[in-house]
N, C-alpha and C. Protein backbone atom coordinates (compact mmCIF):
# COMPACT_ATOMS: atom_id res chain seq x y z
N MET A 1 0.44 5.65 19.60
CA MET A 1 0.51 4.91 17.87
C MET A 1 -0.69 5.37 17.42
N GLN A 2 -0.70 5.59 15.96
CA GLN A 2 -1.81 6.42 15.32
C GLN A 2 -2.72 5.22 14.43
N ARG A 3 -3.52 5.03 14.27
CA ARG A 3 -4.66 4.29 13.56
C ARG A 3 -5.05 4.72 12.37
N ILE A 4 -4.23 4.32 11.13
CA ILE A 4 -4.74 5.02 9.79
C ILE A 4 -5.64 3.74 8.93
N PRO A 5 -6.86 4.14 8.77
CA PRO A 5 -7.69 3.19 8.29
C PRO A 5 -7.44 2.83 6.42
N SER A 6 -6.86 1.90 6.20
CA SER A 6 -6.41 1.92 4.55
C SER A 6 -7.43 2.68 3.91
N TYR A 7 -6.76 2.42 2.51
CA TYR A 7 -7.53 3.54 1.27
C TYR A 7 -8.32 2.76 0.42
N HIS A 8 -8.32 1.67 0.42
CA HIS A 8 -9.06 0.52 0.05
C HIS A 8 -8.83 -1.27 0.26
N ASN A 9 -9.59 -2.07 0.34
CA ASN A 9 -9.54 -3.59 0.66
C ASN A 9 -10.21 -4.13 -0.54
N ASP A 10 -9.88 -4.96 -0.99
CA ASP A 10 -10.16 -5.75 -2.08
C ASP A 10 -9.35 -7.20 -2.09
N VAL A 11 -10.22 -8.17 -2.84
CA VAL A 11 -9.82 -9.54 -2.72
C VAL A 11 -8.99 -9.78 -4.54
N SER A 12 -8.26 -10.16 -4.83
CA SER A 12 -8.02 -10.37 -6.53
C SER A 12 -8.23 -11.61 -6.40
N ARG A 13 -8.39 -12.03 -7.98
CA ARG A 13 -8.69 -13.10 -8.77
C ARG A 13 -7.72 -14.06 -8.53
N PRO A 14 -7.97 -15.34 -8.48
CA PRO A 14 -7.17 -16.21 -8.45
C PRO A 14 -5.89 -16.12 -8.97
N LEU A 15 -4.83 -15.82 -9.10
CA LEU A 15 -3.55 -16.02 -9.98
C LEU A 15 -3.46 -16.92 -10.78
N ARG A 16 -4.34 -17.78 -10.86
CA ARG A 16 -4.18 -18.52 -11.73
C ARG A 16 -5.15 -18.41 -13.23
N GLU A 17 -5.88 -17.22 -12.60
CA GLU A 17 -6.95 -16.94 -13.62
C GLU A 17 -6.01 -15.53 -14.64
N LEU A 18 -5.44 -15.11 -13.43
CA LEU A 18 -4.46 -13.91 -14.04
C LEU A 18 -3.50 -14.40 -15.06
N ALA A 19 -2.61 -15.18 -14.58
CA ALA A 19 -1.82 -15.50 -15.12
C ALA A 19 -1.92 -15.88 -17.01
N ALA A 20 -3.08 -16.07 -16.99
CA ALA A 20 -3.34 -16.48 -18.64
C ALA A 20 -3.77 -14.93 -19.32
N GLU A 21 -3.93 -13.85 -18.42
CA GLU A 21 -3.83 -12.47 -19.14
C GLU A 21 -3.16 -11.63 -18.99
N ASP A 22 -1.59 -11.79 -18.35
CA ASP A 22 -0.55 -11.18 -18.04
C ASP A 22 0.63 -11.98 -18.56
N ARG A 23 0.73 -12.24 -20.01
CA ARG A 23 2.07 -12.51 -20.42
C ARG A 23 2.67 -11.46 -20.64
N PRO A 24 4.36 -10.99 -20.26
CA PRO A 24 4.87 -10.39 -20.50
C PRO A 24 5.25 -9.99 -22.07
N ASP A 25 5.30 -8.87 -22.23
CA ASP A 25 5.89 -8.65 -24.00
C ASP A 25 7.24 -8.51 -24.07
N ARG A 26 7.56 -9.25 -24.93
CA ARG A 26 8.91 -9.32 -25.23
C ARG A 26 9.29 -8.33 -25.32
N HIS A 27 8.89 -7.15 -26.17
CA HIS A 27 9.57 -5.68 -26.72
C HIS A 27 9.76 -4.93 -25.16
N GLN A 28 8.95 -5.34 -23.82
CA GLN A 28 9.38 -4.50 -22.96
C GLN A 28 10.66 -5.03 -22.25
N GLU A 29 11.13 -5.98 -22.44
CA GLU A 29 12.42 -6.73 -22.53
C GLU A 29 13.38 -5.56 -22.36
N ARG A 30 14.22 -5.44 -21.85
CA ARG A 30 15.63 -4.62 -22.12
C ARG A 30 16.84 -4.76 -21.26
N GLU A 31 17.87 -4.15 -21.51
CA GLU A 31 19.31 -4.48 -21.00
C GLU A 31 19.21 -3.43 -19.21
N ALA A 32 19.27 -3.54 -18.80
CA ALA A 32 19.50 -3.39 -17.26
C ALA A 32 20.19 -2.28 -17.73
N ALA A 33 20.01 -0.67 -16.95
CA ALA A 33 20.36 0.77 -17.08
C ALA A 33 21.77 0.61 -15.94
N GLU A 34 23.00 0.98 -16.87
CA GLU A 34 24.00 0.69 -15.60
C GLU A 34 23.86 1.61 -14.47
N ASN A 35 24.88 0.74 -13.44
CA ASN A 35 24.50 1.01 -11.94
C ASN A 35 25.31 2.52 -12.15
N PRO A 36 24.96 3.57 -11.23
CA PRO A 36 25.13 4.99 -11.15
C PRO A 36 26.48 4.84 -10.14
N LYS A 37 27.61 5.22 -9.90
CA LYS A 37 28.47 5.30 -9.52
C LYS A 37 27.98 6.00 -7.92
N ILE A 38 27.81 5.65 -7.04
CA ILE A 38 27.34 6.49 -5.33
C ILE A 38 28.32 6.80 -4.84
N PRO A 39 28.41 8.10 -4.98
CA PRO A 39 29.20 8.73 -3.84
C PRO A 39 29.54 8.43 -2.52
N ASN A 40 30.50 8.17 -2.00
CA ASN A 40 30.61 8.05 -0.25
C ASN A 40 31.83 8.58 -0.33
N SER A 41 32.06 7.96 1.41
CA SER A 41 32.67 9.16 2.31
C SER A 41 33.83 7.96 2.98
N HIS A 42 33.82 6.86 2.26
CA HIS A 42 34.54 6.07 3.14
C HIS A 42 36.22 6.27 2.81
N ILE A 43 37.34 5.61 3.53
CA ILE A 43 38.29 5.58 3.08
C ILE A 43 38.71 4.12 2.84
N ASP A 44 39.05 4.34 2.01
CA ASP A 44 39.67 2.74 1.35
C ASP A 44 41.14 2.20 2.07
N SER A 45 40.48 1.80 3.10
CA SER A 45 41.54 0.71 4.23
C SER A 45 40.78 -0.50 4.16
N PRO A 46 41.57 -1.97 4.88
CA PRO A 46 41.17 -2.42 5.16
C PRO A 46 40.49 -2.03 6.79
N ASP A 47 39.47 -3.15 7.05
CA ASP A 47 38.70 -2.87 8.07
C ASP A 47 39.43 -3.53 9.22
N GLN A 48 39.69 -2.94 10.30
CA GLN A 48 40.66 -3.35 11.13
C GLN A 48 40.32 -4.51 12.02
N VAL A 49 38.60 -4.82 12.30
CA VAL A 49 38.13 -5.89 13.01
C VAL A 49 37.84 -6.85 12.23
N VAL A 50 37.75 -6.95 10.73
CA VAL A 50 37.99 -8.02 9.81
C VAL A 50 38.93 -8.61 9.68
N GLU A 51 40.18 -7.72 9.52
CA GLU A 51 41.40 -7.83 9.36
C GLU A 51 42.04 -8.94 10.55
N LYS A 52 41.35 -8.85 11.85
CA LYS A 52 41.99 -9.40 12.90
C LYS A 52 41.46 -10.32 13.04
N GLY A 53 40.17 -10.97 12.36
CA GLY A 53 39.66 -11.97 12.65
C GLY A 53 38.76 -11.90 13.95
N SER A 54 38.86 -11.06 15.01
CA SER A 54 38.04 -11.57 16.03
C SER A 54 36.46 -11.19 15.96
N PHE A 55 36.12 -10.94 14.87
CA PHE A 55 34.53 -11.19 14.62
C PHE A 55 34.56 -12.71 14.60
N LEU A 56 35.05 -13.35 13.66
CA LEU A 56 34.86 -14.58 13.59
C LEU A 56 34.65 -15.57 15.27
N ARG A 57 35.26 -15.09 16.00
CA ARG A 57 34.69 -15.51 17.75
C ARG A 57 33.25 -15.29 17.98
N MET A 58 33.55 -14.48 17.29
CA MET A 58 31.53 -13.95 17.89
C MET A 58 30.21 -14.76 16.99
N LEU A 59 30.70 -15.20 16.00
CA LEU A 59 29.65 -15.67 15.08
C LEU A 59 29.17 -16.99 15.66
N ALA A 60 28.15 -17.37 15.33
CA ALA A 60 27.63 -18.55 16.02
C ALA A 60 27.81 -19.42 15.23
N PRO A 61 28.45 -20.93 15.75
CA PRO A 61 28.73 -21.93 14.63
C PRO A 61 27.48 -22.72 14.24
N SER A 62 26.33 -22.35 14.53
CA SER A 62 25.45 -23.45 14.35
C SER A 62 24.50 -22.84 13.24
N ILE A 63 24.92 -22.00 12.33
CA ILE A 63 23.56 -21.39 11.23
C ILE A 63 23.79 -22.54 10.47
N PRO A 64 22.18 -22.72 10.16
CA PRO A 64 22.15 -24.06 9.04
C PRO A 64 22.39 -23.26 7.76
N ALA A 65 22.83 -24.09 6.78
CA ALA A 65 23.06 -23.80 5.45
C ALA A 65 21.52 -23.89 5.04
N PRO A 66 21.47 -23.06 4.00
CA PRO A 66 20.19 -22.72 2.98
C PRO A 66 19.61 -24.64 2.78
N ILE A 67 18.09 -24.79 2.48
CA ILE A 67 17.75 -26.39 1.74
C ILE A 67 17.76 -26.10 0.54
N LEU A 68 17.29 -24.93 0.05
CA LEU A 68 17.34 -24.41 -1.00
C LEU A 68 17.59 -23.56 -2.16
N ASN A 69 18.77 -23.41 -2.85
CA ASN A 69 19.06 -22.34 -3.32
C ASN A 69 18.84 -21.93 -4.96
N PHE A 70 18.12 -20.72 -5.20
CA PHE A 70 17.87 -21.00 -6.68
C PHE A 70 18.06 -19.73 -7.19
N ASP A 71 17.77 -18.92 -8.32
CA ASP A 71 17.58 -18.18 -8.97
C ASP A 71 16.52 -17.46 -9.25
N GLY A 72 15.80 -16.00 -8.25
CA GLY A 72 14.73 -15.44 -8.84
C GLY A 72 14.47 -14.96 -9.65
N ILE A 73 13.98 -13.59 -9.59
CA ILE A 73 13.12 -13.22 -10.88
C ILE A 73 14.22 -12.51 -11.60
N LEU A 74 13.83 -12.35 -13.17
CA LEU A 74 15.32 -12.28 -13.96
C LEU A 74 15.33 -10.63 -13.47
N PHE A 75 16.52 -9.99 -13.70
CA PHE A 75 16.85 -8.66 -13.64
C PHE A 75 16.86 -8.01 -15.47
N PRO A 76 15.87 -7.15 -15.91
CA PRO A 76 15.33 -6.41 -15.31
C PRO A 76 13.45 -6.48 -14.82
N GLY A 77 13.22 -8.27 -15.03
CA GLY A 77 12.57 -8.50 -14.98
C GLY A 77 11.00 -7.79 -15.59
N VAL A 78 10.09 -7.47 -15.13
CA VAL A 78 8.70 -7.51 -16.11
C VAL A 78 8.86 -5.61 -16.11
N GLY A 79 9.57 -5.22 -17.38
CA GLY A 79 9.57 -3.76 -17.75
C GLY A 79 10.50 -2.80 -17.20
N CYS A 80 10.71 -3.24 -15.94
CA CYS A 80 11.52 -1.60 -14.98
C CYS A 80 12.87 -2.34 -14.90
N SER A 81 13.61 -1.69 -15.37
CA SER A 81 15.18 -1.89 -15.08
C SER A 81 15.96 -0.90 -13.52
N CYS A 82 14.83 -0.53 -12.83
CA CYS A 82 14.95 0.46 -11.85
C CYS A 82 16.44 -0.33 -11.02
N ALA A 83 16.95 0.83 -10.57
CA ALA A 83 17.93 -0.07 -9.10
C ALA A 83 17.78 1.63 -8.46
N PRO A 84 18.48 1.10 -6.86
CA PRO A 84 17.98 -0.33 -6.53
C PRO A 84 16.48 -1.28 -6.81
N PRO A 85 16.76 -2.72 -6.93
CA PRO A 85 16.05 -3.57 -7.24
C PRO A 85 14.71 -3.84 -6.35
N ASP A 86 15.20 -3.33 -5.28
CA ASP A 86 13.89 -3.40 -4.12
C ASP A 86 12.91 -4.65 -3.96
N THR A 87 13.88 -5.54 -3.97
CA THR A 87 13.60 -7.13 -3.87
C THR A 87 13.20 -7.62 -2.76
N ASN A 88 11.86 -8.19 -2.66
CA ASN A 88 10.76 -8.62 -1.54
C ASN A 88 10.46 -9.95 -1.52
N GLY A 89 10.62 -10.94 -0.45
CA GLY A 89 9.86 -12.45 -0.95
C GLY A 89 9.62 -12.98 0.37
N GLU A 90 9.01 -13.98 0.58
CA GLU A 90 8.04 -14.71 1.65
C GLU A 90 8.19 -16.10 1.13
N VAL A 91 7.99 -16.74 2.09
CA VAL A 91 7.73 -18.19 2.28
C VAL A 91 6.76 -18.96 2.54
N GLY A 92 5.47 -19.41 1.53
CA GLY A 92 4.26 -19.97 2.29
C GLY A 92 4.42 -21.46 2.20
N LEU A 93 3.06 -22.12 2.50
CA LEU A 93 3.25 -23.80 2.73
C LEU A 93 4.15 -24.38 1.81
N THR A 94 3.93 -23.87 0.19
CA THR A 94 4.29 -24.73 -0.94
C THR A 94 4.97 -23.78 -2.07
N GLN A 95 4.53 -22.24 -1.50
CA GLN A 95 5.43 -21.32 -2.82
C GLN A 95 6.32 -20.66 -1.86
N TYR A 96 7.34 -19.88 -2.81
CA TYR A 96 8.06 -18.79 -2.57
C TYR A 96 7.38 -17.63 -3.34
N VAL A 97 6.76 -16.39 -2.95
CA VAL A 97 6.62 -15.17 -3.93
C VAL A 97 7.68 -14.09 -3.90
N GLN A 98 8.51 -13.81 -4.67
CA GLN A 98 9.28 -12.63 -5.02
C GLN A 98 8.83 -11.67 -5.50
N MET A 99 8.88 -10.53 -5.48
CA MET A 99 8.24 -9.16 -5.86
C MET A 99 9.50 -8.42 -6.17
N VAL A 100 9.77 -7.59 -7.21
CA VAL A 100 10.87 -6.83 -7.23
C VAL A 100 10.32 -5.83 -8.56
N ASN A 101 10.05 -4.50 -7.75
CA ASN A 101 10.03 -3.46 -8.41
C ASN A 101 8.41 -3.38 -8.82
N GLU A 102 8.44 -3.79 -10.21
CA GLU A 102 7.43 -3.60 -10.98
C GLU A 102 6.45 -5.44 -10.72
N GLY A 103 7.45 -6.37 -10.92
CA GLY A 103 7.10 -7.77 -11.31
C GLY A 103 7.13 -8.59 -9.91
N TYR A 104 6.37 -9.88 -10.25
CA TYR A 104 6.38 -11.19 -8.95
C TYR A 104 6.49 -12.16 -10.05
N GLN A 105 6.90 -13.33 -9.06
CA GLN A 105 7.38 -14.20 -9.49
C GLN A 105 6.79 -15.42 -8.60
N VAL A 106 5.95 -16.28 -9.00
CA VAL A 106 5.92 -17.58 -7.58
C VAL A 106 6.84 -18.82 -8.39
N PHE A 107 7.05 -19.19 -6.84
CA PHE A 107 7.95 -20.69 -7.16
C PHE A 107 7.57 -21.66 -6.28
N ASP A 108 8.13 -23.04 -6.64
CA ASP A 108 7.97 -23.61 -5.71
C ASP A 108 8.52 -24.28 -4.92
N LYS A 109 8.43 -23.99 -3.37
CA LYS A 109 9.33 -23.83 -2.31
C LYS A 109 10.31 -25.12 -2.15
N ALA A 110 9.53 -26.50 -3.10
CA ALA A 110 10.45 -27.96 -3.17
C ALA A 110 11.28 -28.20 -3.83
N ASN A 111 11.59 -27.29 -5.29
CA ASN A 111 12.66 -27.87 -6.50
C ASN A 111 12.88 -26.13 -6.82
N GLY A 112 11.80 -25.10 -6.69
CA GLY A 112 12.82 -23.98 -7.05
C GLY A 112 11.88 -23.26 -8.72
N ASN A 113 11.01 -24.50 -9.04
CA ASN A 113 10.64 -24.35 -10.35
C ASN A 113 9.66 -23.27 -10.23
N SER A 114 9.64 -22.21 -11.16
CA SER A 114 8.67 -21.44 -11.68
C SER A 114 7.23 -21.86 -12.10
N VAL A 115 6.55 -21.55 -10.92
CA VAL A 115 5.17 -21.64 -10.89
C VAL A 115 4.09 -21.06 -11.73
N LEU A 116 4.45 -19.50 -11.57
CA LEU A 116 3.63 -18.25 -11.96
C LEU A 116 4.56 -17.19 -12.36
N GLY A 117 4.83 -16.78 -13.68
CA GLY A 117 5.31 -15.26 -13.91
C GLY A 117 6.68 -15.77 -14.72
N PRO A 118 7.06 -14.42 -14.87
CA PRO A 118 7.25 -13.19 -14.06
C PRO A 118 6.27 -12.62 -14.38
N SER A 119 5.11 -11.84 -13.94
CA SER A 119 4.50 -11.17 -14.22
C SER A 119 4.18 -9.94 -13.49
N SER A 120 3.33 -9.04 -14.16
CA SER A 120 3.34 -7.45 -13.75
C SER A 120 2.53 -7.24 -12.26
N ILE A 121 2.93 -6.89 -11.41
CA ILE A 121 2.20 -6.49 -10.48
C ILE A 121 0.71 -5.74 -10.54
N SER A 122 0.82 -4.68 -11.51
CA SER A 122 -0.10 -4.39 -11.67
C SER A 122 -1.83 -5.24 -11.89
N SER A 123 -1.62 -6.61 -12.56
CA SER A 123 -2.13 -7.40 -12.79
C SER A 123 -3.09 -7.43 -11.50
N LEU A 124 -2.20 -7.43 -10.81
CA LEU A 124 -3.04 -8.06 -9.27
C LEU A 124 -3.90 -7.04 -9.06
N TRP A 125 -4.02 -5.87 -9.10
CA TRP A 125 -5.36 -4.65 -8.92
C TRP A 125 -5.96 -4.84 -9.75
N SER A 126 -6.01 -5.36 -10.73
CA SER A 126 -7.01 -5.38 -12.37
C SER A 126 -8.53 -5.50 -11.65
N GLY A 127 -9.61 -4.31 -11.85
CA GLY A 127 -11.11 -4.43 -11.02
C GLY A 127 -10.74 -4.09 -9.75
N PHE A 128 -9.62 -3.56 -9.00
CA PHE A 128 -9.85 -2.98 -7.84
C PHE A 128 -10.66 -1.46 -7.69
N GLY A 129 -10.07 -0.87 -8.95
CA GLY A 129 -10.46 0.72 -8.55
C GLY A 129 -9.69 1.54 -7.93
N GLY A 130 -9.89 2.83 -8.29
CA GLY A 130 -9.03 3.77 -7.69
C GLY A 130 -7.70 3.65 -7.77
N VAL A 131 -6.96 4.25 -6.77
CA VAL A 131 -5.27 4.21 -7.22
C VAL A 131 -4.48 2.94 -6.96
N CYS A 132 -5.01 1.95 -6.39
CA CYS A 132 -4.38 0.53 -6.63
C CYS A 132 -4.26 0.22 -8.79
N GLN A 133 -5.46 0.39 -8.95
CA GLN A 133 -5.41 -0.19 -10.12
C GLN A 133 -4.74 0.67 -11.33
N THR A 134 -4.56 1.76 -10.71
CA THR A 134 -3.76 3.04 -11.85
C THR A 134 -2.59 3.39 -11.54
N GLY A 135 -2.21 3.18 -10.42
CA GLY A 135 -1.00 3.00 -9.96
C GLY A 135 -0.13 1.99 -8.85
N GLY A 136 -0.81 1.17 -8.86
CA GLY A 136 -0.40 0.12 -7.63
C GLY A 136 1.09 -0.64 -7.72
N ALA A 137 1.90 -0.16 -8.36
CA ALA A 137 3.12 -1.06 -8.82
C ALA A 137 4.18 -0.01 -8.49
N GLY A 138 5.46 -1.01 -7.85
CA GLY A 138 6.70 -0.20 -7.36
C GLY A 138 6.79 -0.69 -6.14
N ASP A 139 8.03 -0.92 -5.42
CA ASP A 139 8.27 -1.26 -3.88
C ASP A 139 7.35 -1.87 -3.00
N PRO A 140 7.22 -3.48 -3.89
CA PRO A 140 6.42 -4.34 -3.19
C PRO A 140 6.66 -4.57 -1.70
N VAL A 141 6.07 -5.12 -0.94
CA VAL A 141 6.33 -5.91 0.13
C VAL A 141 5.04 -7.09 0.17
N VAL A 142 5.51 -8.57 0.45
CA VAL A 142 4.80 -9.23 0.19
C VAL A 142 4.66 -10.21 1.53
N LEU A 143 4.12 -10.59 2.32
CA LEU A 143 3.93 -11.36 3.15
C LEU A 143 3.14 -12.69 3.29
N TYR A 144 3.22 -13.51 3.95
CA TYR A 144 2.47 -14.73 4.22
C TYR A 144 1.49 -14.95 5.52
N ASP A 145 0.21 -14.68 5.61
CA ASP A 145 -0.45 -14.85 6.77
C ASP A 145 -0.84 -16.70 7.25
N GLN A 146 -0.17 -17.09 7.84
CA GLN A 146 0.09 -18.25 8.54
C GLN A 146 -1.27 -18.86 9.08
N ILE A 147 -1.68 -18.30 9.63
CA ILE A 147 -3.03 -18.73 10.15
C ILE A 147 -4.40 -18.49 9.02
N ALA A 148 -4.64 -17.36 8.76
CA ALA A 148 -5.40 -17.13 7.58
C ALA A 148 -4.81 -18.00 6.18
N ASN A 149 -3.91 -18.60 5.82
CA ASN A 149 -3.17 -19.47 4.56
C ASN A 149 -3.72 -18.07 3.28
N ARG A 150 -3.06 -17.24 3.43
CA ARG A 150 -3.35 -15.82 2.38
C ARG A 150 -2.13 -15.38 2.79
N TRP A 151 -2.00 -14.79 1.07
CA TRP A 151 -0.97 -14.03 1.10
C TRP A 151 -1.30 -12.46 1.02
N VAL A 152 -0.59 -11.59 1.62
CA VAL A 152 -0.69 -9.82 1.92
C VAL A 152 0.16 -9.44 0.91
N ILE A 153 -0.48 -8.56 0.00
CA ILE A 153 0.84 -7.65 -0.83
C ILE A 153 0.38 -6.26 -0.78
């Protein structure tokens, strides 16, 4: 295993302060690009495993249903109609944070209401300096550190 040090570490200002600065410009909103046809080599025939139903016997009958279901960040979100959308999200103590390409949105995990956003990911890196500040958008990953009670992006 190889250990590679991070390029830059920093702590962003609280999102409640960033939210006032980062209001998406309505001129950036646009229709999503039409999804291109992806070439494939499958044969258009029924899947024999699915058709016979044998997979149903292997499914666990005790899978719980979702507690809450709500729409996430709107596509194209914050200025990017990229395809595929590279959707990523994580549940914290009281929020669900979803990141999609160049945007993020924070939802109340109790009711699904938007608490913040959608906002641009680049707003998180303002003041960091270096590559993150000038080009830190796209293909994000968000994690919640339960032990430290913090979000890692």
